[in-house]
C-alpha cells in the first residue's frame, strides 16, 4: 500500500509529466509533404492533444480533386495524433513500470 508521502510524490511526478507533455509537439506529413499537421499540448489520454497547425502545399490544392486533399488531411491528422499518443506513452512508462493504462497505446 502507498503511504501519503508516496502518493504525494507520485502525484508530483504525474503533474510534472503532464506539464512536460503539454509543452511538446509532434508533426506528421502525408502525400510527400503535401499536407503537414502539427499537434501540440499533448495530454495523457487519446483525446488530449490539439491540432496546432495544418500546412497545405499549393500543389496539393486541385479544385477538381478535393477528395484527395481531404483524405491527405485526415491521414496527416491521424498520424500526428498517433505520434502524440506514443510520446505520451513513453513519458508514462517509467511511472507505470510498463503497465498499460486505459487510453494509452
N, C-alpha and C. Protein backbone atom coordinates (compact mmCIF):
# COMPACT_ATOMS: atom_id res chain seq x y z
N UNK A 1 0.82 -1.19 0.00
CA UNK A 1 0.00 0.00 0.00
C UNK A 1 0.87 1.25 0.00
N UNK A 2 0.36 2.28 -0.61
CA UNK A 2 1.09 3.53 -0.67
C UNK A 2 0.75 4.38 0.55
N UNK A 3 1.78 4.98 1.14
CA UNK A 3 1.51 5.91 2.22
C UNK A 3 1.29 7.30 1.62
N UNK A 4 0.95 8.24 2.47
CA UNK A 4 0.62 9.58 2.00
C UNK A 4 1.79 10.25 1.29
N UNK A 5 2.99 10.07 1.80
CA UNK A 5 4.16 10.69 1.18
C UNK A 5 4.42 10.10 -0.21
N UNK A 6 4.30 8.80 -0.32
CA UNK A 6 4.49 8.16 -1.63
C UNK A 6 3.43 8.65 -2.62
N UNK A 7 2.20 8.81 -2.16
CA UNK A 7 1.12 9.29 -3.01
C UNK A 7 1.40 10.72 -3.47
N UNK A 8 1.88 11.57 -2.57
CA UNK A 8 2.21 12.95 -2.93
C UNK A 8 3.33 12.99 -3.95
N UNK A 9 4.34 12.14 -3.77
CA UNK A 9 5.45 12.10 -4.72
C UNK A 9 4.97 11.64 -6.10
N UNK A 10 4.12 10.63 -6.11
CA UNK A 10 3.58 10.15 -7.38
C UNK A 10 2.76 11.23 -8.06
N UNK A 11 1.92 11.93 -7.30
CA UNK A 11 1.11 13.00 -7.86
C UNK A 11 2.00 14.11 -8.42
N UNK A 12 3.08 14.43 -7.73
CA UNK A 12 4.01 15.47 -8.21
C UNK A 12 4.67 15.03 -9.51
N UNK A 13 5.06 13.76 -9.58
CA UNK A 13 5.68 13.24 -10.81
C UNK A 13 4.69 13.26 -11.98
N UNK A 14 3.45 12.90 -11.71
CA UNK A 14 2.43 12.92 -12.76
C UNK A 14 2.18 14.35 -13.22
N UNK A 15 2.11 15.29 -12.29
CA UNK A 15 1.91 16.69 -12.64
C UNK A 15 3.05 17.20 -13.52
N UNK A 16 4.28 16.87 -13.16
CA UNK A 16 5.45 17.29 -13.94
C UNK A 16 5.40 16.67 -15.33
N UNK A 17 5.03 15.40 -15.41
CA UNK A 17 4.94 14.72 -16.69
C UNK A 17 3.87 15.38 -17.57
N UNK A 18 2.74 15.73 -16.98
CA UNK A 18 1.68 16.39 -17.75
C UNK A 18 2.15 17.75 -18.28
N UNK A 19 2.90 18.47 -17.46
CA UNK A 19 3.43 19.76 -17.90
C UNK A 19 4.43 19.58 -19.03
N UNK A 20 5.29 18.56 -18.92
CA UNK A 20 6.26 18.28 -19.98
C UNK A 20 5.56 17.93 -21.29
N UNK A 21 4.54 17.08 -21.20
CA UNK A 21 3.81 16.68 -22.40
C UNK A 21 3.10 17.89 -23.03
N UNK A 22 2.53 18.74 -22.21
CA UNK A 22 1.79 19.90 -22.72
C UNK A 22 2.70 20.85 -23.49
N UNK A 23 4.00 20.82 -23.20
CA UNK A 23 4.92 21.72 -23.88
C UNK A 23 5.52 21.11 -25.15
N UNK A 24 5.22 19.86 -25.42
CA UNK A 24 5.78 19.19 -26.60
C UNK A 24 4.82 19.27 -27.78
N UNK A 25 5.39 19.09 -28.98
CA UNK A 25 4.57 18.99 -30.18
C UNK A 25 5.16 17.93 -31.10
N UNK A 26 4.33 17.40 -31.97
CA UNK A 26 4.76 16.43 -32.96
C UNK A 26 4.20 16.86 -34.31
N UNK A 27 4.83 16.37 -35.37
CA UNK A 27 4.43 16.76 -36.71
C UNK A 27 4.35 15.52 -37.58
N UNK A 28 3.39 15.49 -38.50
CA UNK A 28 3.26 14.38 -39.45
C UNK A 28 2.89 14.95 -40.81
N UNK A 29 3.44 14.32 -41.86
CA UNK A 29 3.16 14.75 -43.22
C UNK A 29 2.64 13.58 -44.04
N UNK A 30 1.84 13.90 -45.04
CA UNK A 30 1.35 12.88 -45.97
C UNK A 30 1.47 13.41 -47.39
N UNK A 31 1.37 12.51 -48.33
CA UNK A 31 1.40 12.91 -49.73
C UNK A 31 2.68 13.60 -50.13
N UNK A 32 3.82 13.08 -49.63
CA UNK A 32 5.10 13.71 -49.97
C UNK A 32 5.17 15.14 -49.48
N UNK A 33 4.71 15.37 -48.27
CA UNK A 33 4.69 16.69 -47.61
C UNK A 33 3.65 17.64 -48.21
N UNK A 34 2.66 17.08 -48.92
CA UNK A 34 1.59 17.92 -49.45
C UNK A 34 0.76 18.51 -48.32
N UNK A 35 0.59 17.71 -47.25
CA UNK A 35 -0.15 18.17 -46.06
C UNK A 35 0.68 17.84 -44.84
N UNK A 36 0.91 18.84 -44.00
CA UNK A 36 1.65 18.65 -42.75
C UNK A 36 0.78 19.14 -41.60
N UNK A 37 0.68 18.31 -40.56
CA UNK A 37 -0.12 18.65 -39.39
C UNK A 37 0.78 18.66 -38.16
N UNK A 38 0.64 19.68 -37.35
CA UNK A 38 1.37 19.79 -36.09
C UNK A 38 0.38 19.66 -34.94
N UNK A 39 0.70 18.76 -34.01
CA UNK A 39 -0.12 18.53 -32.82
C UNK A 39 0.66 19.05 -31.62
N UNK A 40 -0.01 19.79 -30.75
CA UNK A 40 0.65 20.31 -29.55
C UNK A 40 -0.23 20.05 -28.34
N UNK A 41 0.26 20.50 -27.20
CA UNK A 41 -0.47 20.34 -25.94
C UNK A 41 -0.89 18.89 -25.73
N UNK A 42 0.08 18.01 -25.86
CA UNK A 42 -0.17 16.58 -25.72
C UNK A 42 -0.58 16.28 -24.28
N UNK A 43 -1.59 15.46 -24.14
CA UNK A 43 -2.04 15.04 -22.82
C UNK A 43 -1.82 13.57 -22.63
N UNK A 44 -2.38 13.02 -21.56
CA UNK A 44 -2.16 11.62 -21.23
C UNK A 44 -3.27 10.71 -21.72
N UNK A 45 -4.23 11.22 -22.45
CA UNK A 45 -5.29 10.39 -22.99
C UNK A 45 -5.39 10.57 -24.49
N UNK A 46 -6.12 9.71 -25.16
CA UNK A 46 -6.17 9.77 -26.62
C UNK A 46 -6.82 11.04 -27.16
N UNK A 47 -7.69 11.66 -26.40
CA UNK A 47 -8.37 12.85 -26.89
C UNK A 47 -7.71 14.13 -26.37
N UNK A 48 -6.55 13.99 -25.76
CA UNK A 48 -5.91 15.16 -25.17
C UNK A 48 -4.71 15.60 -25.99
N UNK A 49 -5.01 16.32 -27.04
CA UNK A 49 -3.99 16.93 -27.89
C UNK A 49 -4.71 17.97 -28.73
N UNK A 50 -3.96 18.90 -29.26
CA UNK A 50 -4.55 19.96 -30.06
C UNK A 50 -3.90 20.01 -31.42
N UNK A 51 -4.69 20.18 -32.45
CA UNK A 51 -4.13 20.45 -33.76
C UNK A 51 -3.68 21.91 -33.72
N UNK A 52 -2.38 22.09 -33.81
CA UNK A 52 -1.82 23.44 -33.73
C UNK A 52 -1.78 24.10 -35.10
N UNK A 53 -1.46 23.29 -36.12
CA UNK A 53 -1.32 23.88 -37.45
C UNK A 53 -1.56 22.81 -38.51
N UNK A 54 -2.18 23.23 -39.60
CA UNK A 54 -2.31 22.40 -40.80
C UNK A 54 -1.69 23.22 -41.93
N UNK A 55 -0.67 22.64 -42.56
CA UNK A 55 0.01 23.32 -43.66
C UNK A 55 -0.26 22.53 -44.93
N UNK A 56 -0.78 23.22 -45.95
CA UNK A 56 -1.12 22.57 -47.21
C UNK A 56 -0.26 23.17 -48.31
N UNK A 57 0.45 22.31 -48.99
CA UNK A 57 1.28 22.73 -50.12
C UNK A 57 0.37 23.21 -51.25
N UNK A 58 0.70 24.31 -51.91
CA UNK A 58 -0.14 24.79 -53.02
C UNK A 58 -0.36 23.73 -54.10
N UNK A 59 0.62 22.87 -54.29
CA UNK A 59 0.50 21.81 -55.31
C UNK A 59 -0.58 20.79 -54.94
N UNK A 60 -0.93 20.72 -53.67
CA UNK A 60 -1.93 19.74 -53.23
C UNK A 60 -3.35 20.22 -53.47
N UNK A 61 -3.50 21.49 -53.81
CA UNK A 61 -4.83 22.06 -54.00
C UNK A 61 -5.23 21.95 -55.46
N UNK A 62 -6.14 21.02 -55.73
CA UNK A 62 -6.68 20.83 -57.07
C UNK A 62 -8.20 20.94 -56.95
N UNK A 63 -8.78 22.03 -57.45
CA UNK A 63 -10.22 22.21 -57.33
C UNK A 63 -11.04 21.06 -57.91
N UNK A 64 -10.43 20.31 -58.80
CA UNK A 64 -11.13 19.18 -59.42
C UNK A 64 -11.03 17.91 -58.57
N UNK A 65 -10.18 17.93 -57.54
CA UNK A 65 -9.95 16.72 -56.74
C UNK A 65 -9.86 17.04 -55.25
N UNK A 66 -10.91 17.60 -54.71
CA UNK A 66 -10.96 17.96 -53.29
C UNK A 66 -10.92 16.71 -52.42
N UNK A 67 -11.46 15.60 -52.89
CA UNK A 67 -11.49 14.37 -52.10
C UNK A 67 -10.09 13.92 -51.69
N UNK A 68 -9.15 14.00 -52.59
CA UNK A 68 -7.78 13.59 -52.27
C UNK A 68 -7.19 14.49 -51.20
N UNK A 69 -7.39 15.78 -51.31
CA UNK A 69 -6.89 16.71 -50.29
C UNK A 69 -7.51 16.41 -48.93
N UNK A 70 -8.80 16.15 -48.91
CA UNK A 70 -9.46 15.81 -47.65
C UNK A 70 -8.87 14.54 -47.05
N UNK A 71 -8.63 13.54 -47.89
CA UNK A 71 -8.03 12.29 -47.42
C UNK A 71 -6.63 12.52 -46.86
N UNK A 72 -5.84 13.37 -47.52
CA UNK A 72 -4.49 13.68 -47.05
C UNK A 72 -4.53 14.36 -45.68
N UNK A 73 -5.48 15.27 -45.50
CA UNK A 73 -5.60 15.97 -44.21
C UNK A 73 -5.96 14.98 -43.11
N UNK A 74 -6.94 14.13 -43.35
CA UNK A 74 -7.34 13.14 -42.35
C UNK A 74 -6.16 12.23 -42.01
N UNK A 75 -5.45 11.76 -43.02
CA UNK A 75 -4.31 10.87 -42.79
C UNK A 75 -3.22 11.57 -41.97
N UNK A 76 -2.93 12.83 -42.29
CA UNK A 76 -1.90 13.56 -41.56
C UNK A 76 -2.31 13.80 -40.11
N UNK A 77 -3.57 14.16 -39.88
CA UNK A 77 -4.05 14.37 -38.51
C UNK A 77 -3.96 13.07 -37.71
N UNK A 78 -4.41 11.98 -38.31
CA UNK A 78 -4.37 10.70 -37.60
C UNK A 78 -2.94 10.27 -37.30
N UNK A 79 -2.03 10.47 -38.22
CA UNK A 79 -0.62 10.12 -37.99
C UNK A 79 -0.03 10.99 -36.88
N UNK A 80 -0.33 12.28 -36.89
CA UNK A 80 0.17 13.17 -35.84
C UNK A 80 -0.40 12.79 -34.48
N UNK A 81 -1.68 12.45 -34.42
CA UNK A 81 -2.28 12.01 -33.16
C UNK A 81 -1.64 10.72 -32.66
N UNK A 82 -1.35 9.82 -33.57
CA UNK A 82 -0.67 8.58 -33.20
C UNK A 82 0.70 8.86 -32.61
N UNK A 83 1.43 9.78 -33.22
CA UNK A 83 2.74 10.16 -32.69
C UNK A 83 2.61 10.79 -31.31
N UNK A 84 1.59 11.64 -31.13
CA UNK A 84 1.37 12.28 -29.83
C UNK A 84 1.08 11.24 -28.76
N UNK A 85 0.27 10.23 -29.10
CA UNK A 85 -0.03 9.17 -28.14
C UNK A 85 1.22 8.38 -27.78
N UNK A 86 2.09 8.14 -28.75
CA UNK A 86 3.33 7.41 -28.48
C UNK A 86 4.25 8.21 -27.56
N UNK A 87 4.32 9.52 -27.79
CA UNK A 87 5.13 10.38 -26.91
C UNK A 87 4.59 10.31 -25.48
N UNK A 88 3.28 10.39 -25.34
CA UNK A 88 2.66 10.32 -24.01
C UNK A 88 2.93 8.97 -23.36
N UNK A 89 2.80 7.89 -24.12
CA UNK A 89 3.03 6.55 -23.57
C UNK A 89 4.47 6.39 -23.11
N UNK A 90 5.42 6.96 -23.85
CA UNK A 90 6.83 6.88 -23.46
C UNK A 90 7.09 7.63 -22.16
N UNK A 91 6.39 8.75 -21.96
CA UNK A 91 6.54 9.52 -20.73
C UNK A 91 5.93 8.78 -19.54
N UNK A 92 4.82 8.10 -19.76
CA UNK A 92 4.09 7.43 -18.69
C UNK A 92 4.78 6.13 -18.28
N UNK A 93 5.44 5.46 -19.21
CA UNK A 93 6.03 4.14 -18.96
C UNK A 93 6.88 4.07 -17.70
N UNK A 94 7.77 5.04 -17.43
CA UNK A 94 8.57 4.93 -16.20
C UNK A 94 7.74 4.95 -14.91
N UNK A 95 6.60 5.63 -14.94
CA UNK A 95 5.75 5.69 -13.75
C UNK A 95 4.93 4.42 -13.55
N UNK A 96 4.58 3.79 -14.67
CA UNK A 96 3.71 2.62 -14.58
C UNK A 96 4.46 1.31 -14.62
N UNK A 97 5.76 1.38 -14.78
CA UNK A 97 6.55 0.16 -14.85
C UNK A 97 6.20 -0.68 -16.05
N UNK A 98 5.81 -0.04 -17.14
CA UNK A 98 5.45 -0.76 -18.36
C UNK A 98 4.02 -1.24 -18.40
N UNK A 99 3.28 -1.06 -17.30
CA UNK A 99 1.88 -1.48 -17.26
C UNK A 99 1.06 -0.53 -18.15
N UNK A 100 0.22 -1.07 -18.98
CA UNK A 100 -0.59 -0.27 -19.89
C UNK A 100 -1.74 0.39 -19.13
N UNK A 101 -1.95 1.69 -19.41
CA UNK A 101 -3.07 2.41 -18.83
C UNK A 101 -4.18 2.52 -19.86
N UNK A 102 -5.43 2.55 -19.44
CA UNK A 102 -6.53 2.71 -20.39
C UNK A 102 -6.36 3.98 -21.20
N UNK A 103 -6.56 3.88 -22.51
CA UNK A 103 -6.47 5.04 -23.38
C UNK A 103 -5.08 5.33 -23.89
N UNK A 104 -4.09 4.57 -23.46
CA UNK A 104 -2.72 4.80 -23.91
C UNK A 104 -2.31 3.64 -24.80
N UNK A 105 -1.52 3.96 -25.87
CA UNK A 105 -1.08 2.88 -26.77
C UNK A 105 -0.10 1.94 -26.10
